[in-house]
Amino acid sequence: MEMLIEAADVVKRLKMYPYFEVANYILMCMTVREDNFPQQSTGVQTFSRLHPLACWFGSMMLCFAGGILGNFLLGEPLLTPLQSEREVITATIVWYLINYAPFDFVYKLCKFTPIRLIISLMKEVHRANKVNHGILFALKNFPGSHIVVGVFGVLKGSASLHMRVFQRLVCGIWQPTGLELLKPSPVTKASLVATVTLILLYEGFIDFPVQLVYALVILFFVLVRLLNMAFNIDIFSPFENLFCSVFMGGLIDALKRVTDRPEDATAAAAAAKNNPLNKPKEE
C-alpha cells in the first residue's frame, strides 16, 4: 500500500510544463485547424492560410481557456493568463508547426493514431491537474461555497469546450447551438464527477489518501477519453437517461402518450384543419 501511495504521490507532483502543457497546446491547435470553416469546404487553402491572425488568436483562446474563464468568473483581467511569455511563445511555436510546418509533417505526425493517443492521454493528466488546482484555489478563496467551488472545478476541466463558441466567433463563425451547456460532452460530465469527488475528499467526507484519489481521478479521465475515442461511447448516457426518465418528466410523458385516446388526436387534427389561419390564401 505504501508503494502505491508513493507512486501516486510521484504522479501528483508531476510538473505540467513543458511536456503536458505542450500536449494541451497540440490538441487545441489541432482542434482549431480541424474546425469546419466555410472557406475550407470550398477551397484548397486552409483557414490558417487565409486568416493567420484569427487562427492564432483562436488557438490561444483554447490553449489558455482555463485561465481566461477563471479570471472572468473572478472579475480579473482576461489577458492575465497570457502574461507568461514563456508559455505564450511555446504555444505559438506549437501553433506554427501544426499549421505551417513543411509538407504538413508535424500535423500528420500528430494525427497518427498512436501519437495522438499518447498526446490525448497526456492531456487527461493535464486536465486532472487543472481541476485539482482549481478546486484548491476556490476552496481557499471561497470557503464553504461549494457551488462556486464546483463551478470553478468543472470549468477548469472543460474550459476549452465552453470557449469554443467564442473561438469560432473570432474565426468568423457564429454558432450559438454549439454551447457546451446545451449538450454537455463526456469531458464536461467527467469533470463534474471529478470535481465532486475532490471536493468531498478535501472537505473530509472521503477518508482516503489524497494521492490515491488523485491518481484514480486521472485514471477515470483516461478511461472516459479512451472509450470516447475508440468506440464513441458516452459512459454517462445510461445514468442520464435513467435520471431524466424518473426526475425530468420522461416517464410521465411516456405514460401520457400511452394513455392518450385516439379520438383526442382525431379531434385535434380536425380543429387544426378548420383553423382559418391554416387555410390557403386566395390569390
C-alpha atoms as a PDB file:
ATOM      1  CA  MET A   1       0.000   0.000   0.000  1.00  0.00           C
ATOM      2  CA  GLU A   2       2.834   2.384   0.846  1.00  0.00           C
ATOM      3  CA  MET A   3       4.488   1.756  -2.526  1.00  0.00           C
ATOM      4  CA  LEU A   4       1.186   2.524  -4.251  1.00  0.00           C
ATOM      5  CA  ILE A   5       0.836   5.766  -2.311  1.00  0.00           C
ATOM      6  CA  GLU A   6       4.422   6.750  -3.165  1.00  0.00           C
ATOM      7  CA  ALA A   7       3.815   6.065  -6.865  1.00  0.00           C
ATOM      8  CA  ALA A   8       0.599   8.097  -6.747  1.00  0.00           C
ATOM      9  CA  ASP A   9       2.474  10.909  -4.982  1.00  0.00           C
ATOM     10  CA  VAL A  10       5.030  10.973  -7.811  1.00  0.00           C
ATOM     11  CA  VAL A  11       2.165  11.311 -10.306  1.00  0.00           C
ATOM     12  CA  LYS A  12       0.600  14.084  -8.255  1.00  0.00           C
ATOM     13  CA  ARG A  13       3.871  16.034  -8.183  1.00  0.00           C
ATOM     14  CA  LEU A  14       4.453  15.869 -11.939  1.00  0.00           C
ATOM     15  CA  LYS A  15       5.280  19.255 -13.460  1.00  0.00           C
ATOM     16  CA  MET A  16       2.941  20.205 -16.261  1.00  0.00           C
ATOM     17  CA  TYR A  17       5.443  22.336 -18.163  1.00  0.00           C
ATOM     18  CA  PRO A  18       6.692  21.641 -20.731  1.00  0.00           C
ATOM     19  CA  TYR A  19       5.508  18.162 -21.764  1.00  0.00           C
ATOM     20  CA  PHE A  20       1.901  18.105 -20.590  1.00  0.00           C
ATOM     21  CA  GLU A  21       1.354  21.750 -21.471  1.00  0.00           C
ATOM     22  CA  VAL A  22       2.696  21.110 -24.976  1.00  0.00           C
ATOM     23  CA  ALA A  23       0.316  18.146 -25.336  1.00  0.00           C
ATOM     24  CA  ASN A  24      -2.540  20.511 -24.442  1.00  0.00           C
ATOM     25  CA  TYR A  25      -1.338  23.115 -26.954  1.00  0.00           C
ATOM     26  CA  ILE A  26      -1.084  20.491 -29.708  1.00  0.00           C
ATOM     27  CA  LEU A  27      -4.645  19.277 -29.224  1.00  0.00           C
ATOM     28  CA  MET A  28      -6.056  22.795 -29.029  1.00  0.00           C
ATOM     29  CA  CYS A  29      -4.273  23.961 -32.204  1.00  0.00           C
ATOM     30  CA  MET A  30      -5.404  20.814 -33.998  1.00  0.00           C
ATOM     31  CA  THR A  31      -8.965  21.470 -32.849  1.00  0.00           C
ATOM     32  CA  VAL A  32      -8.922  24.939 -34.419  1.00  0.00           C
ATOM     33  CA  ARG A  33      -7.330  23.631 -37.597  1.00  0.00           C
ATOM     34  CA  GLU A  34      -9.860  20.802 -37.962  1.00  0.00           C
ATOM     35  CA  ASP A  35     -12.856  23.035 -37.349  1.00  0.00           C
ATOM     36  CA  ASN A  36     -15.430  23.255 -40.132  1.00  0.00           C
ATOM     37  CA  PHE A  37     -14.785  26.713 -41.513  1.00  0.00           C
ATOM     38  CA  PRO A  38     -16.765  27.667 -44.626  1.00  0.00           C
ATOM     39  CA  GLN A  39     -13.598  28.609 -46.515  1.00  0.00           C
ATOM     40  CA  GLN A  40     -12.193  25.100 -46.126  1.00  0.00           C
ATOM     41  CA  SER A  41     -15.257  23.378 -47.565  1.00  0.00           C
ATOM     42  CA  THR A  42     -14.977  25.128 -50.926  1.00  0.00           C
ATOM     43  CA  GLY A  43     -11.324  25.946 -51.461  1.00  0.00           C
ATOM     44  CA  VAL A  44      -7.934  24.335 -51.343  1.00  0.00           C
ATOM     45  CA  GLN A  45      -6.423  26.803 -48.916  1.00  0.00           C
ATOM     46  CA  THR A  46      -6.999  26.160 -45.220  1.00  0.00           C
ATOM     47  CA  PHE A  47      -8.258  28.779 -42.802  1.00  0.00           C
ATOM     48  CA  SER A  48      -4.748  29.261 -41.398  1.00  0.00           C
ATOM     49  CA  ARG A  49      -3.521  30.371 -44.837  1.00  0.00           C
ATOM     50  CA  LEU A  50      -6.346  32.836 -45.372  1.00  0.00           C
ATOM     51  CA  HIS A  51      -6.585  34.294 -41.853  1.00  0.00           C
ATOM     52  CA  PRO A  52      -3.412  33.570 -39.852  1.00  0.00           C
ATOM     53  CA  LEU A  53      -4.073  36.214 -37.176  1.00  0.00           C
ATOM     54  CA  ALA A  54      -7.579  34.938 -36.428  1.00  0.00           C
ATOM     55  CA  CYS A  55      -6.272  31.367 -36.456  1.00  0.00           C
ATOM     56  CA  TRP A  56      -3.535  32.248 -33.948  1.00  0.00           C
ATOM     57  CA  PHE A  57      -5.846  34.214 -31.669  1.00  0.00           C
ATOM     58  CA  GLY A  58      -8.471  31.454 -31.699  1.00  0.00           C
ATOM     59  CA  SER A  59      -5.805  28.861 -30.900  1.00  0.00           C
ATOM     60  CA  MET A  60      -4.508  30.923 -27.971  1.00  0.00           C
ATOM     61  CA  MET A  61      -8.072  31.268 -26.669  1.00  0.00           C
ATOM     62  CA  LEU A  62      -8.332  27.487 -26.447  1.00  0.00           C
ATOM     63  CA  CYS A  63      -4.788  26.950 -25.170  1.00  0.00           C
ATOM     64  CA  PHE A  64      -5.388  29.292 -22.225  1.00  0.00           C
ATOM     65  CA  ALA A  65      -9.139  28.801 -21.878  1.00  0.00           C
ATOM     66  CA  GLY A  66      -8.958  27.687 -18.237  1.00  0.00           C
ATOM     67  CA  GLY A  67      -7.186  30.823 -17.092  1.00  0.00           C
ATOM     68  CA  ILE A  68      -9.348  33.133 -19.215  1.00  0.00           C
ATOM     69  CA  LEU A  69     -12.653  31.710 -17.943  1.00  0.00           C
ATOM     70  CA  GLY A  70     -11.337  31.515 -14.387  1.00  0.00           C
ATOM     71  CA  ASN A  71     -10.386  35.191 -14.467  1.00  0.00           C
ATOM     72  CA  PHE A  72     -13.763  36.035 -15.975  1.00  0.00           C
ATOM     73  CA  LEU A  73     -15.518  34.403 -13.009  1.00  0.00           C
ATOM     74  CA  LEU A  74     -13.265  36.219 -10.547  1.00  0.00           C
ATOM     75  CA  GLY A  75     -13.564  39.593 -12.260  1.00  0.00           C
ATOM     76  CA  GLU A  76      -9.849  39.635 -13.073  1.00  0.00           C
ATOM     77  CA  PRO A  77      -8.290  40.863 -16.365  1.00  0.00           C
ATOM     78  CA  LEU A  78      -8.871  38.271 -19.073  1.00  0.00           C
ATOM     79  CA  LEU A  79      -5.371  38.741 -20.520  1.00  0.00           C
ATOM     80  CA  THR A  80      -3.602  37.786 -17.282  1.00  0.00           C
ATOM     81  CA  PRO A  81      -3.116  34.130 -18.407  1.00  0.00           C
ATOM     82  CA  LEU A  82      -1.097  35.491 -21.341  1.00  0.00           C
ATOM     83  CA  GLN A  83       1.410  37.306 -19.128  1.00  0.00           C
ATOM     84  CA  SER A  84       3.746  34.296 -19.101  1.00  0.00           C
ATOM     85  CA  GLU A  85       5.783  34.950 -22.234  1.00  0.00           C
ATOM     86  CA  ARG A  86       7.398  31.522 -21.984  1.00  0.00           C
ATOM     87  CA  GLU A  87       4.056  29.745 -22.261  1.00  0.00           C
ATOM     88  CA  VAL A  88       2.713  32.045 -24.979  1.00  0.00           C
ATOM     89  CA  ILE A  89       5.851  31.603 -27.062  1.00  0.00           C
ATOM     90  CA  THR A  90       5.688  27.822 -26.574  1.00  0.00           C
ATOM     91  CA  ALA A  91       2.029  27.755 -27.636  1.00  0.00           C
ATOM     92  CA  THR A  92       2.822  29.967 -30.635  1.00  0.00           C
ATOM     93  CA  ILE A  93       5.616  27.646 -31.758  1.00  0.00           C
ATOM     94  CA  VAL A  94       3.255  24.678 -31.496  1.00  0.00           C
ATOM     95  CA  TRP A  95       0.583  26.604 -33.443  1.00  0.00           C
ATOM     96  CA  TYR A  96       3.086  27.467 -36.180  1.00  0.00           C
ATOM     97  CA  LEU A  97       4.338  23.898 -36.536  1.00  0.00           C
ATOM     98  CA  ILE A  98       0.809  22.458 -36.626  1.00  0.00           C
ATOM     99  CA  ASN A  99      -0.270  24.862 -39.377  1.00  0.00           C
ATOM    100  CA  TYR A 100       2.860  25.778 -41.346  1.00  0.00           C
ATOM    101  CA  ALA A 101       5.477  23.031 -40.971  1.00  0.00           C
ATOM    102  CA  PRO A 102       6.972  21.922 -44.326  1.00  0.00           C
ATOM    103  CA  PHE A 103       4.923  19.234 -46.057  1.00  0.00           C
ATOM    104  CA  ASP A 104       2.482  19.355 -43.129  1.00  0.00           C
ATOM    105  CA  PHE A 105       4.817  16.937 -41.385  1.00  0.00           C
ATOM    106  CA  VAL A 106       4.049  17.897 -37.763  1.00  0.00           C
ATOM    107  CA  TYR A 107       0.274  17.846 -38.211  1.00  0.00           C
ATOM    108  CA  LYS A 108       0.352  14.458 -39.978  1.00  0.00           C
ATOM    109  CA  LEU A 109       2.628  13.085 -37.267  1.00  0.00           C
ATOM    110  CA  CYS A 110       0.277  14.242 -34.509  1.00  0.00           C
ATOM    111  CA  LYS A 111      -2.682  12.797 -36.443  1.00  0.00           C
ATOM    112  CA  PHE A 112      -1.021   9.359 -36.470  1.00  0.00           C
ATOM    113  CA  THR A 113      -3.237   7.290 -34.179  1.00  0.00           C
ATOM    114  CA  PRO A 114      -0.623   6.038 -31.665  1.00  0.00           C
ATOM    115  CA  ILE A 115       0.901   9.526 -31.367  1.00  0.00           C
ATOM    116  CA  ARG A 116      -2.499  11.191 -30.984  1.00  0.00           C
ATOM    117  CA  LEU A 117      -3.453   8.624 -28.354  1.00  0.00           C
ATOM    118  CA  ILE A 118      -0.345   9.405 -26.301  1.00  0.00           C
ATOM    119  CA  ILE A 119      -0.970  13.162 -26.628  1.00  0.00           C
ATOM    120  CA  SER A 120      -4.613  12.703 -25.604  1.00  0.00           C
ATOM    121  CA  LEU A 121      -3.675  10.684 -22.506  1.00  0.00           C
ATOM    122  CA  MET A 122      -1.147  13.351 -21.524  1.00  0.00           C
ATOM    123  CA  LYS A 123      -3.932  15.890 -21.919  1.00  0.00           C
ATOM    124  CA  GLU A 124      -6.034  13.964 -19.380  1.00  0.00           C
ATOM    125  CA  VAL A 125      -3.205  14.180 -16.829  1.00  0.00           C
ATOM    126  CA  HIS A 126      -3.095  17.909 -17.530  1.00  0.00           C
ATOM    127  CA  ARG A 127      -6.897  18.116 -17.124  1.00  0.00           C
ATOM    128  CA  ALA A 128      -6.833  16.381 -13.740  1.00  0.00           C
ATOM    129  CA  ASN A 129      -4.118  18.787 -12.590  1.00  0.00           C
ATOM    130  CA  LYS A 130      -6.180  21.801 -13.678  1.00  0.00           C
ATOM    131  CA  VAL A 131      -9.301  20.523 -11.899  1.00  0.00           C
ATOM    132  CA  ASN A 132      -7.338  19.803  -8.725  1.00  0.00           C
ATOM    133  CA  HIS A 133      -5.616  23.200  -8.632  1.00  0.00           C
ATOM    134  CA  GLY A 134      -8.876  24.965  -9.494  1.00  0.00           C
ATOM    135  CA  ILE A 135     -10.665  23.318  -6.572  1.00  0.00           C
ATOM    136  CA  LEU A 136      -7.849  24.075  -4.128  1.00  0.00           C
ATOM    137  CA  PHE A 137      -7.802  27.713  -5.246  1.00  0.00           C
ATOM    138  CA  ALA A 138     -11.586  28.042  -4.945  1.00  0.00           C
ATOM    139  CA  LEU A 139     -11.711  26.357  -1.526  1.00  0.00           C
ATOM    140  CA  LYS A 140      -9.082  28.794  -0.288  1.00  0.00           C
ATOM    141  CA  ASN A 141     -10.824  31.894  -1.622  1.00  0.00           C
ATOM    142  CA  PHE A 142     -14.470  30.796  -1.220  1.00  0.00           C
ATOM    143  CA  PRO A 143     -14.548  28.541   1.861  1.00  0.00           C
ATOM    144  CA  GLY A 144     -17.934  26.933   2.380  1.00  0.00           C
ATOM    145  CA  SER A 145     -19.260  27.969  -1.036  1.00  0.00           C
ATOM    146  CA  HIS A 146     -19.363  24.515  -2.584  1.00  0.00           C
ATOM    147  CA  ILE A 147     -21.413  25.577  -5.605  1.00  0.00           C
ATOM    148  CA  VAL A 148     -18.806  28.188  -6.529  1.00  0.00           C
ATOM    149  CA  VAL A 149     -16.029  25.648  -5.975  1.00  0.00           C
ATOM    150  CA  GLY A 150     -17.865  23.104  -8.117  1.00  0.00           C
ATOM    151  CA  VAL A 151     -18.402  25.530 -10.987  1.00  0.00           C
ATOM    152  CA  PHE A 152     -14.745  26.567 -10.846  1.00  0.00           C
ATOM    153  CA  GLY A 153     -13.548  22.953 -10.910  1.00  0.00           C
ATOM    154  CA  VAL A 154     -15.787  21.935 -13.820  1.00  0.00           C
ATOM    155  CA  LEU A 155     -14.774  24.969 -15.876  1.00  0.00           C
ATOM    156  CA  LYS A 156     -11.102  24.276 -15.239  1.00  0.00           C
ATOM    157  CA  GLY A 157     -11.566  20.759 -16.579  1.00  0.00           C
ATOM    158  CA  SER A 158     -13.652  21.598 -19.639  1.00  0.00           C
ATOM    159  CA  ALA A 159     -12.765  25.248 -20.309  1.00  0.00           C
ATOM    160  CA  SER A 160     -11.791  24.753 -23.952  1.00  0.00           C
ATOM    161  CA  LEU A 161     -15.203  23.235 -24.732  1.00  0.00           C
ATOM    162  CA  HIS A 162     -17.007  26.227 -23.227  1.00  0.00           C
ATOM    163  CA  MET A 163     -14.668  28.582 -25.075  1.00  0.00           C
ATOM    164  CA  ARG A 164     -15.352  27.019 -28.496  1.00  0.00           C
ATOM    165  CA  VAL A 165     -18.304  29.314 -29.278  1.00  0.00           C
ATOM    166  CA  PHE A 166     -16.168  32.431 -28.736  1.00  0.00           C
ATOM    167  CA  GLN A 167     -13.199  30.922 -30.570  1.00  0.00           C
ATOM    168  CA  ARG A 168     -15.397  30.210 -33.576  1.00  0.00           C
ATOM    169  CA  LEU A 169     -16.787  33.732 -33.400  1.00  0.00           C
ATOM    170  CA  VAL A 170     -13.239  35.111 -33.606  1.00  0.00           C
ATOM    171  CA  CYS A 171     -12.727  32.892 -36.654  1.00  0.00           C
ATOM    172  CA  GLY A 172     -15.883  34.187 -38.348  1.00  0.00           C
ATOM    173  CA  ILE A 173     -18.492  31.616 -37.317  1.00  0.00           C
ATOM    174  CA  TRP A 174     -21.425  32.389 -35.031  1.00  0.00           C
ATOM    175  CA  GLN A 175     -22.789  29.062 -33.788  1.00  0.00           C
ATOM    176  CA  PRO A 176     -24.744  29.531 -30.545  1.00  0.00           C
ATOM    177  CA  THR A 177     -26.146  26.000 -30.826  1.00  0.00           C
ATOM    178  CA  GLY A 178     -22.612  24.795 -30.098  1.00  0.00           C
ATOM    179  CA  LEU A 179     -22.784  25.944 -26.480  1.00  0.00           C
ATOM    180  CA  GLU A 180     -21.467  23.201 -24.225  1.00  0.00           C
ATOM    181  CA  LEU A 181     -24.341  23.710 -21.766  1.00  0.00           C
ATOM    182  CA  LEU A 182     -26.886  22.696 -24.423  1.00  0.00           C
ATOM    183  CA  LYS A 183     -25.308  19.281 -24.925  1.00  0.00           C
ATOM    184  CA  PRO A 184     -22.521  18.549 -22.426  1.00  0.00           C
ATOM    185  CA  SER A 185     -19.777  16.272 -23.711  1.00  0.00           C
ATOM    186  CA  PRO A 186     -18.352  13.307 -21.768  1.00  0.00           C
ATOM    187  CA  VAL A 187     -15.386  15.525 -20.819  1.00  0.00           C
ATOM    188  CA  THR A 188     -17.634  18.038 -19.040  1.00  0.00           C
ATOM    189  CA  LYS A 189     -19.524  15.253 -17.266  1.00  0.00           C
ATOM    190  CA  ALA A 190     -16.262  13.604 -16.215  1.00  0.00           C
ATOM    191  CA  SER A 191     -15.020  16.972 -14.921  1.00  0.00           C
ATOM    192  CA  LEU A 192     -18.179  17.263 -12.827  1.00  0.00           C
ATOM    193  CA  VAL A 193     -17.686  13.788 -11.322  1.00  0.00           C
ATOM    194  CA  ALA A 194     -14.003  14.504 -10.616  1.00  0.00           C
ATOM    195  CA  THR A 195     -14.859  17.877  -9.080  1.00  0.00           C
ATOM    196  CA  VAL A 196     -17.469  16.412  -6.717  1.00  0.00           C
ATOM    197  CA  THR A 197     -15.049  13.627  -5.729  1.00  0.00           C
ATOM    198  CA  LEU A 198     -12.213  16.028  -4.938  1.00  0.00           C
ATOM    199  CA  ILE A 199     -14.489  18.409  -3.025  1.00  0.00           C
ATOM    200  CA  LEU A 200     -15.683  15.513  -0.843  1.00  0.00           C
ATOM    201  CA  LEU A 201     -12.050  14.481  -0.356  1.00  0.00           C
ATOM    202  CA  TYR A 202     -10.788  17.911   0.702  1.00  0.00           C
ATOM    203  CA  GLU A 203     -13.814  18.528   2.921  1.00  0.00           C
ATOM    204  CA  GLY A 204     -13.119  15.300   4.820  1.00  0.00           C
ATOM    205  CA  PHE A 205     -16.064  13.229   3.608  1.00  0.00           C
ATOM    206  CA  ILE A 206     -13.749  10.679   1.943  1.00  0.00           C
ATOM    207  CA  ASP A 207     -11.213   9.065   4.267  1.00  0.00           C
ATOM    208  CA  PHE A 208      -8.634   8.030   1.694  1.00  0.00           C
ATOM    209  CA  PRO A 209      -5.093   9.161   0.838  1.00  0.00           C
ATOM    210  CA  VAL A 210      -5.165  12.273  -1.340  1.00  0.00           C
ATOM    211  CA  GLN A 211      -2.532  10.889  -3.692  1.00  0.00           C
ATOM    212  CA  LEU A 212      -4.539   7.741  -4.449  1.00  0.00           C
ATOM    213  CA  VAL A 213      -7.758   9.663  -5.068  1.00  0.00           C
ATOM    214  CA  TYR A 214      -5.889  11.994  -7.415  1.00  0.00           C
ATOM    215  CA  ALA A 215      -4.451   9.009  -9.290  1.00  0.00           C
ATOM    216  CA  LEU A 216      -7.932   7.485  -9.546  1.00  0.00           C
ATOM    217  CA  VAL A 217      -9.242  10.762 -10.977  1.00  0.00           C
ATOM    218  CA  ILE A 218      -6.552  10.616 -13.668  1.00  0.00           C
ATOM    219  CA  LEU A 219      -7.459   7.005 -14.470  1.00  0.00           C
ATOM    220  CA  PHE A 220     -11.116   8.000 -14.679  1.00  0.00           C
ATOM    221  CA  PHE A 221     -10.350  10.784 -17.155  1.00  0.00           C
ATOM    222  CA  VAL A 222      -8.196   8.390 -19.199  1.00  0.00           C
ATOM    223  CA  LEU A 223     -10.961   5.761 -19.263  1.00  0.00           C
ATOM    224  CA  VAL A 224     -13.564   8.279 -20.432  1.00  0.00           C
ATOM    225  CA  ARG A 225     -11.209   9.527 -23.159  1.00  0.00           C
ATOM    226  CA  LEU A 226     -10.289   6.032 -24.373  1.00  0.00           C
ATOM    227  CA  LEU A 227     -13.895   4.855 -24.596  1.00  0.00           C
ATOM    228  CA  ASN A 228     -14.910   8.010 -26.421  1.00  0.00           C
ATOM    229  CA  MET A 229     -12.000   7.875 -28.869  1.00  0.00           C
ATOM    230  CA  ALA A 230     -12.108   4.137 -29.585  1.00  0.00           C
ATOM    231  CA  PHE A 231     -15.835   3.379 -29.533  1.00  0.00           C
ATOM    232  CA  ASN A 232     -17.536   6.800 -29.374  1.00  0.00           C
ATOM    233  CA  ILE A 233     -19.147   5.690 -26.110  1.00  0.00           C
ATOM    234  CA  ASP A 234     -20.519   8.080 -23.512  1.00  0.00           C
ATOM    235  CA  ILE A 235     -20.453   6.099 -20.258  1.00  0.00           C
ATOM    236  CA  PHE A 236     -22.771   8.627 -18.637  1.00  0.00           C
ATOM    237  CA  SER A 237     -25.678   8.112 -21.079  1.00  0.00           C
ATOM    238  CA  PRO A 238     -27.394   5.240 -19.187  1.00  0.00           C
ATOM    239  CA  PHE A 239     -27.356   7.210 -15.931  1.00  0.00           C
ATOM    240  CA  GLU A 240     -28.582  10.354 -17.706  1.00  0.00           C
ATOM    241  CA  ASN A 241     -31.443   8.503 -19.380  1.00  0.00           C
ATOM    242  CA  LEU A 242     -32.492   6.901 -16.103  1.00  0.00           C
ATOM    243  CA  PHE A 243     -32.311  10.192 -14.197  1.00  0.00           C
ATOM    244  CA  CYS A 244     -34.263  12.103 -16.849  1.00  0.00           C
ATOM    245  CA  SER A 245     -36.912   9.374 -17.044  1.00  0.00           C
ATOM    246  CA  VAL A 246     -37.500   9.421 -13.287  1.00  0.00           C
ATOM    247  CA  PHE A 247     -36.952  13.061 -12.318  1.00  0.00           C
ATOM    248  CA  MET A 248     -37.277  15.132 -15.517  1.00  0.00           C
ATOM    249  CA  GLY A 249     -40.721  14.019 -16.641  1.00  0.00           C
ATOM    250  CA  GLY A 250     -39.647  11.377 -19.133  1.00  0.00           C
ATOM    251  CA  LEU A 251     -41.665   8.592 -17.503  1.00  0.00           C
ATOM    252  CA  ILE A 252     -44.751  10.788 -17.130  1.00  0.00           C
ATOM    253  CA  ASP A 253     -44.554  11.869 -20.769  1.00  0.00           C
ATOM    254  CA  ALA A 254     -44.288   8.234 -21.859  1.00  0.00           C
ATOM    255  CA  LEU A 255     -47.364   7.278 -19.804  1.00  0.00           C
ATOM    256  CA  LYS A 256     -49.245  10.252 -21.191  1.00  0.00           C
ATOM    257  CA  ARG A 257     -48.534   9.180 -24.756  1.00  0.00           C
ATOM    258  CA  VAL A 258     -49.768   5.663 -23.982  1.00  0.00           C
ATOM    259  CA  THR A 259     -52.963   6.809 -22.291  1.00  0.00           C
ATOM    260  CA  ASP A 260     -53.905   9.446 -24.889  1.00  0.00           C
ATOM    261  CA  ARG A 261     -57.134   8.378 -26.585  1.00  0.00           C
ATOM    262  CA  PRO A 262     -57.173   8.117 -30.390  1.00  0.00           C
ATOM    263  CA  GLU A 263     -60.289  10.277 -30.602  1.00  0.00           C
ATOM    264  CA  ASP A 264     -58.410  13.115 -28.895  1.00  0.00           C
ATOM    265  CA  ALA A 265     -55.813  13.035 -31.631  1.00  0.00           C
ATOM    266  CA  THR A 266     -58.559  12.975 -34.296  1.00  0.00           C
ATOM    267  CA  ALA A 267     -60.316  15.932 -32.706  1.00  0.00           C
ATOM    268  CA  ALA A 268     -57.033  17.870 -32.558  1.00  0.00           C
ATOM    269  CA  ALA A 269     -56.385  17.188 -36.226  1.00  0.00           C
ATOM    270  CA  ALA A 270     -59.910  18.318 -37.180  1.00  0.00           C
ATOM    271  CA  ALA A 271     -59.542  21.506 -35.157  1.00  0.00           C
ATOM    272  CA  ALA A 272     -56.255  22.280 -36.862  1.00  0.00           C
ATOM    273  CA  LYS A 273     -57.849  21.697 -40.267  1.00  0.00           C
ATOM    274  CA  ASN A 274     -60.746  24.058 -39.536  1.00  0.00           C
ATOM    275  CA  ASN A 275     -58.496  26.768 -38.186  1.00  0.00           C
ATOM    276  CA  PRO A 276     -58.820  29.765 -40.572  1.00  0.00           C
ATOM    277  CA  LEU A 277     -55.145  30.587 -40.077  1.00  0.00           C
ATOM    278  CA  ASN A 278     -54.200  27.281 -41.689  1.00  0.00           C
ATOM    279  CA  LYS A 279     -56.382  27.767 -44.794  1.00  0.00           C
ATOM    280  CA  PRO A 280     -54.556  28.747 -48.012  1.00  0.00           C
ATOM    281  CA  LYS A 281     -54.910  32.367 -49.068  1.00  0.00           C
ATOM    282  CA  GLU A 282     -56.834  33.155 -52.264  1.00  0.00           C
ATOM    283  CA  GLU A 283     -54.796  34.812 -54.984  1.00  0.00           C
END
